[in-house]
């Protein structure tokens, strides 16, 4: 049920905020500034090592398609090499190959 899911999401958001509240005074003054056109979409990046045959990928494989493309631009940053799994392929297809970045062999400078 949508109401229950929203309640769960809000609960997680509150807990996440509690964990990082101490950092808020250290954020740059431009953090949270309204986005001006032409950058009218919010860019969201998912960074993880579980873009593979893993329970997290199983749960997330459809999440990326649920972002409204008019409002969000989604990127995925993989910290692991491809395992060739169906889950990895579905995620790459859902965000587009140009928005799926392989970082497992990147240097610190890159």
N, C-alpha and C. Protein backbone atom coordinates (compact mmCIF):
# COMPACT_ATOMS: atom_id res chain seq x y z
N UNK A 1 0.84 -1.18 0.00
CA UNK A 1 0.00 0.00 0.00
C UNK A 1 0.89 1.25 0.00
N UNK A 2 0.51 2.23 -0.80
CA UNK A 2 1.33 3.42 -1.03
C UNK A 2 1.54 4.23 0.25
N UNK A 3 0.53 4.33 1.07
CA UNK A 3 0.63 5.10 2.31
C UNK A 3 1.64 4.46 3.27
N UNK A 4 1.61 3.15 3.36
CA UNK A 4 2.54 2.44 4.22
C UNK A 4 3.98 2.60 3.70
N UNK A 5 4.16 2.50 2.38
CA UNK A 5 5.49 2.67 1.80
C UNK A 5 6.02 4.08 2.07
N UNK A 6 5.15 5.10 1.96
CA UNK A 6 5.56 6.47 2.23
C UNK A 6 5.96 6.63 3.69
N UNK A 7 5.24 5.99 4.59
CA UNK A 7 5.58 6.04 6.01
C UNK A 7 6.93 5.42 6.29
N UNK A 8 7.22 4.30 5.66
CA UNK A 8 8.51 3.63 5.82
C UNK A 8 9.63 4.52 5.27
N UNK A 9 9.40 5.11 4.09
CA UNK A 9 10.41 5.98 3.48
C UNK A 9 10.68 7.19 4.37
N UNK A 10 9.63 7.79 4.93
CA UNK A 10 9.80 8.95 5.80
C UNK A 10 10.58 8.57 7.06
N UNK A 11 10.28 7.40 7.61
CA UNK A 11 10.99 6.91 8.79
C UNK A 11 12.48 6.75 8.51
N UNK A 12 12.81 6.17 7.35
CA UNK A 12 14.22 6.00 6.97
C UNK A 12 14.88 7.36 6.74
N UNK A 13 14.16 8.29 6.14
CA UNK A 13 14.71 9.62 5.88
C UNK A 13 15.03 10.34 7.19
N UNK A 14 14.16 10.22 8.17
CA UNK A 14 14.39 10.84 9.47
C UNK A 14 15.63 10.25 10.12
N UNK A 15 15.76 8.93 10.08
CA UNK A 15 16.94 8.27 10.67
C UNK A 15 18.22 8.67 9.94
N UNK A 16 18.14 8.77 8.62
CA UNK A 16 19.32 9.17 7.84
C UNK A 16 19.73 10.60 8.19
N UNK A 17 18.76 11.49 8.32
CA UNK A 17 19.06 12.88 8.69
C UNK A 17 19.69 12.95 10.07
N UNK A 18 19.19 12.18 11.01
CA UNK A 18 19.75 12.16 12.37
C UNK A 18 21.23 11.78 12.35
N UNK A 19 21.61 10.90 11.43
CA UNK A 19 23.00 10.44 11.37
C UNK A 19 23.95 11.50 10.78
N UNK A 20 23.42 12.43 9.99
CA UNK A 20 24.30 13.41 9.34
C UNK A 20 24.06 14.84 9.80
N UNK A 21 23.14 15.06 10.73
CA UNK A 21 22.83 16.42 11.16
C UNK A 21 24.05 17.19 11.66
N UNK A 22 24.97 16.49 12.29
CA UNK A 22 26.16 17.14 12.83
C UNK A 22 27.01 17.76 11.73
N UNK A 23 26.86 17.31 10.48
CA UNK A 23 27.66 17.83 9.37
C UNK A 23 27.04 19.07 8.73
N UNK A 24 25.77 19.34 8.97
CA UNK A 24 25.08 20.44 8.28
C UNK A 24 25.80 21.79 8.41
N UNK A 25 26.30 22.16 9.60
CA UNK A 25 27.00 23.45 9.68
C UNK A 25 28.28 23.51 8.84
N UNK A 26 28.83 22.36 8.46
CA UNK A 26 30.07 22.33 7.69
C UNK A 26 29.84 22.35 6.18
N UNK A 27 28.60 22.25 5.74
CA UNK A 27 28.32 22.23 4.30
C UNK A 27 28.56 23.60 3.70
N UNK A 28 28.98 23.65 2.44
CA UNK A 28 29.22 24.95 1.79
C UNK A 28 27.92 25.74 1.68
N UNK A 29 28.02 27.06 1.63
CA UNK A 29 26.80 27.89 1.58
C UNK A 29 25.94 27.64 0.34
N UNK A 30 26.52 27.06 -0.71
CA UNK A 30 25.74 26.81 -1.93
C UNK A 30 24.97 25.49 -1.86
N UNK A 31 25.19 24.69 -0.82
CA UNK A 31 24.51 23.41 -0.70
C UNK A 31 23.01 23.65 -0.53
N UNK A 32 22.21 22.99 -1.35
CA UNK A 32 20.76 23.11 -1.25
C UNK A 32 20.17 24.28 -2.01
N UNK A 33 20.99 24.99 -2.78
CA UNK A 33 20.50 26.11 -3.57
C UNK A 33 19.57 25.58 -4.66
N UNK A 34 18.54 26.33 -4.97
CA UNK A 34 17.61 25.93 -6.02
C UNK A 34 18.35 25.77 -7.34
N UNK A 35 17.97 24.78 -8.11
CA UNK A 35 18.59 24.51 -9.40
C UNK A 35 17.97 25.44 -10.44
N UNK A 36 18.82 26.13 -11.16
CA UNK A 36 18.37 27.05 -12.20
C UNK A 36 18.43 26.37 -13.56
N UNK A 37 17.52 26.69 -14.47
CA UNK A 37 17.63 26.16 -15.82
C UNK A 37 18.96 26.59 -16.41
N UNK A 38 19.62 25.82 -17.25
CA UNK A 38 19.15 24.62 -17.92
C UNK A 38 19.28 23.35 -17.09
N UNK A 39 19.84 23.44 -15.88
CA UNK A 39 19.94 22.25 -15.03
C UNK A 39 18.66 22.11 -14.22
N UNK A 40 17.56 21.91 -14.91
CA UNK A 40 16.27 21.87 -14.23
C UNK A 40 15.97 20.51 -13.62
N UNK A 41 16.75 19.49 -13.98
CA UNK A 41 16.54 18.16 -13.40
C UNK A 41 17.54 17.93 -12.26
N UNK A 42 17.09 17.22 -11.27
CA UNK A 42 17.96 16.85 -10.16
C UNK A 42 18.77 15.64 -10.60
N UNK A 43 20.06 15.70 -10.37
CA UNK A 43 20.93 14.57 -10.70
C UNK A 43 21.11 13.70 -9.46
N UNK A 44 20.81 12.42 -9.63
CA UNK A 44 20.91 11.46 -8.53
C UNK A 44 21.93 10.40 -8.92
N UNK A 45 22.86 10.12 -8.03
CA UNK A 45 23.87 9.11 -8.29
C UNK A 45 23.83 8.01 -7.25
N UNK A 46 23.85 6.78 -7.72
CA UNK A 46 23.90 5.61 -6.84
C UNK A 46 25.29 5.01 -6.98
N UNK A 47 26.01 4.93 -5.86
CA UNK A 47 27.36 4.38 -5.86
C UNK A 47 27.35 3.13 -5.00
N UNK A 48 27.72 1.99 -5.59
CA UNK A 48 27.78 0.77 -4.79
C UNK A 48 28.53 -0.34 -5.50
N UNK A 49 28.87 -1.34 -4.73
CA UNK A 49 29.58 -2.52 -5.24
C UNK A 49 28.62 -3.68 -5.46
N UNK A 50 27.33 -3.42 -5.39
CA UNK A 50 26.35 -4.50 -5.50
C UNK A 50 25.55 -4.47 -6.79
N UNK A 51 26.08 -3.85 -7.83
CA UNK A 51 25.44 -3.91 -9.14
C UNK A 51 25.83 -5.25 -9.77
N UNK A 52 25.31 -6.33 -9.20
CA UNK A 52 25.65 -7.69 -9.62
C UNK A 52 24.55 -8.62 -9.14
N UNK A 53 24.76 -9.92 -9.26
CA UNK A 53 23.79 -10.91 -8.77
C UNK A 53 23.85 -10.88 -7.23
N UNK A 54 23.11 -9.95 -6.65
CA UNK A 54 23.15 -9.69 -5.21
C UNK A 54 21.77 -9.20 -4.80
N UNK A 55 21.40 -9.44 -3.55
CA UNK A 55 20.06 -9.08 -3.09
C UNK A 55 19.76 -7.59 -3.28
N UNK A 56 20.76 -6.72 -3.08
CA UNK A 56 20.53 -5.29 -3.27
C UNK A 56 20.18 -4.98 -4.72
N UNK A 57 20.89 -5.58 -5.65
CA UNK A 57 20.58 -5.37 -7.07
C UNK A 57 19.21 -5.93 -7.41
N UNK A 58 18.84 -7.04 -6.79
CA UNK A 58 17.51 -7.62 -7.03
C UNK A 58 16.44 -6.61 -6.63
N UNK A 59 16.65 -5.94 -5.49
CA UNK A 59 15.66 -4.99 -4.99
C UNK A 59 15.66 -3.68 -5.79
N UNK A 60 16.82 -3.28 -6.27
CA UNK A 60 16.93 -1.98 -6.94
C UNK A 60 16.69 -2.00 -8.44
N UNK A 61 16.66 -3.16 -9.05
CA UNK A 61 16.64 -3.21 -10.51
C UNK A 61 15.48 -2.44 -11.14
N UNK A 62 14.37 -2.28 -10.43
CA UNK A 62 13.25 -1.52 -11.00
C UNK A 62 13.15 -0.10 -10.43
N UNK A 63 13.91 0.20 -9.40
CA UNK A 63 13.83 1.51 -8.75
C UNK A 63 14.22 2.62 -9.72
N UNK A 64 15.26 2.40 -10.50
CA UNK A 64 15.77 3.44 -11.38
C UNK A 64 14.73 3.87 -12.42
N UNK A 65 13.88 2.95 -12.85
CA UNK A 65 12.83 3.27 -13.82
C UNK A 65 11.71 4.09 -13.20
N UNK A 66 11.62 4.11 -11.89
CA UNK A 66 10.54 4.82 -11.21
C UNK A 66 10.83 6.32 -11.02
N UNK A 67 12.04 6.75 -11.31
CA UNK A 67 12.35 8.18 -11.25
C UNK A 67 11.71 8.87 -12.45
N UNK A 68 11.06 9.98 -12.21
CA UNK A 68 10.45 10.76 -13.28
C UNK A 68 11.56 11.40 -14.11
N UNK A 69 11.74 10.97 -15.38
CA UNK A 69 12.84 11.50 -16.20
C UNK A 69 12.74 12.99 -16.48
N UNK A 70 11.57 13.57 -16.30
CA UNK A 70 11.42 15.02 -16.47
C UNK A 70 12.03 15.77 -15.29
N UNK A 71 12.11 15.10 -14.14
CA UNK A 71 12.58 15.75 -12.91
C UNK A 71 13.94 15.24 -12.43
N UNK A 72 14.32 14.02 -12.85
CA UNK A 72 15.55 13.41 -12.33
C UNK A 72 16.42 12.85 -13.45
N UNK A 73 17.72 13.00 -13.29
CA UNK A 73 18.69 12.37 -14.17
C UNK A 73 19.47 11.40 -13.28
N UNK A 74 19.39 10.11 -13.58
CA UNK A 74 19.95 9.08 -12.70
C UNK A 74 21.26 8.52 -13.26
N UNK A 75 22.25 8.42 -12.38
CA UNK A 75 23.54 7.83 -12.71
C UNK A 75 23.80 6.68 -11.75
N UNK A 76 24.49 5.67 -12.22
CA UNK A 76 24.94 4.56 -11.38
C UNK A 76 26.45 4.46 -11.52
N UNK A 77 27.13 4.32 -10.38
CA UNK A 77 28.58 4.20 -10.34
C UNK A 77 28.93 2.86 -9.70
N UNK A 78 29.43 1.95 -10.52
CA UNK A 78 29.72 0.59 -10.06
C UNK A 78 31.14 0.49 -9.52
N UNK A 79 31.25 0.00 -8.30
CA UNK A 79 32.55 -0.19 -7.67
C UNK A 79 33.07 -1.60 -7.90
N UNK A 80 32.32 -2.39 -8.63
CA UNK A 80 32.71 -3.78 -8.91
C UNK A 80 32.64 -4.03 -10.42
N UNK A 81 33.46 -4.94 -10.93
CA UNK A 81 33.37 -5.26 -12.36
C UNK A 81 32.07 -6.02 -12.64
N UNK A 82 31.65 -6.01 -13.87
CA UNK A 82 30.43 -6.71 -14.26
C UNK A 82 30.57 -8.20 -14.04
N UNK A 83 29.51 -8.79 -13.50
CA UNK A 83 29.47 -10.25 -13.35
C UNK A 83 28.66 -10.88 -14.48
N UNK A 84 28.19 -10.03 -15.43
CA UNK A 84 27.43 -10.53 -16.56
C UNK A 84 26.02 -10.96 -16.22
N UNK A 85 25.56 -10.67 -15.01
CA UNK A 85 24.24 -11.14 -14.58
C UNK A 85 23.12 -10.34 -15.24
N UNK A 86 21.96 -10.94 -15.25
CA UNK A 86 20.75 -10.30 -15.75
C UNK A 86 20.44 -9.04 -14.95
N UNK A 87 20.68 -9.08 -13.64
CA UNK A 87 20.39 -7.93 -12.79
C UNK A 87 21.25 -6.74 -13.18
N UNK A 88 22.52 -6.96 -13.43
CA UNK A 88 23.42 -5.89 -13.85
C UNK A 88 22.94 -5.32 -15.18
N UNK A 89 22.62 -6.18 -16.12
CA UNK A 89 22.17 -5.73 -17.45
C UNK A 89 20.89 -4.91 -17.34
N UNK A 90 19.96 -5.34 -16.52
CA UNK A 90 18.70 -4.59 -16.36
C UNK A 90 18.94 -3.20 -15.79
N UNK A 91 19.85 -3.11 -14.83
CA UNK A 91 20.16 -1.81 -14.24
C UNK A 91 20.82 -0.91 -15.26
N UNK A 92 21.79 -1.43 -16.02
CA UNK A 92 22.45 -0.64 -17.06
C UNK A 92 21.42 -0.15 -18.08
N UNK A 93 20.53 -1.03 -18.50
CA UNK A 93 19.50 -0.65 -19.47
C UNK A 93 18.54 0.38 -18.90
N UNK A 94 18.23 0.29 -17.61
CA UNK A 94 17.25 1.21 -17.02
C UNK A 94 17.78 2.64 -16.91
N UNK A 95 19.10 2.80 -16.72
CA UNK A 95 19.64 4.16 -16.63
C UNK A 95 20.31 4.59 -17.92
N UNK A 96 20.59 3.65 -18.79
CA UNK A 96 21.27 3.95 -20.05
C UNK A 96 22.77 3.77 -19.89
N UNK A 97 23.40 3.23 -20.91
CA UNK A 97 24.84 2.96 -20.84
C UNK A 97 25.66 4.22 -20.58
N UNK A 98 25.18 5.37 -21.07
CA UNK A 98 25.92 6.62 -20.86
C UNK A 98 25.78 7.15 -19.44
N UNK A 99 24.88 6.57 -18.64
CA UNK A 99 24.70 6.98 -17.25
C UNK A 99 25.14 5.90 -16.26
N UNK A 100 25.71 4.84 -16.76
CA UNK A 100 26.23 3.77 -15.91
C UNK A 100 27.75 3.79 -16.02
N UNK A 101 28.42 4.12 -14.94
CA UNK A 101 29.87 4.29 -14.96
C UNK A 101 30.56 3.17 -14.19
N UNK A 102 31.59 2.64 -14.79
CA UNK A 102 32.41 1.59 -14.16
C UNK A 102 33.55 2.27 -13.42
N UNK A 103 33.60 2.16 -12.12
CA UNK A 103 34.64 2.81 -11.33
C UNK A 103 35.62 1.84 -10.70
N UNK A 104 35.39 0.56 -10.86
CA UNK A 104 36.22 -0.44 -10.15
C UNK A 104 37.70 -0.35 -10.49
N UNK A 105 38.04 0.13 -11.66
CA UNK A 105 39.46 0.22 -12.02
C UNK A 105 39.94 1.67 -12.09
N UNK A 106 39.12 2.61 -11.64
CA UNK A 106 39.48 4.02 -11.69
C UNK A 106 40.52 4.34 -10.61
N UNK A 107 41.39 5.29 -10.93
CA UNK A 107 42.37 5.74 -9.94
C UNK A 107 41.73 6.80 -9.06
N UNK A 108 42.39 7.17 -7.98
CA UNK A 108 41.88 8.21 -7.10
C UNK A 108 41.74 9.54 -7.82
N UNK A 109 42.63 9.82 -8.74
CA UNK A 109 42.60 11.08 -9.49
C UNK A 109 41.39 11.13 -10.42
N UNK A 110 41.07 9.98 -11.04
CA UNK A 110 39.93 9.94 -11.95
C UNK A 110 38.65 10.13 -11.19
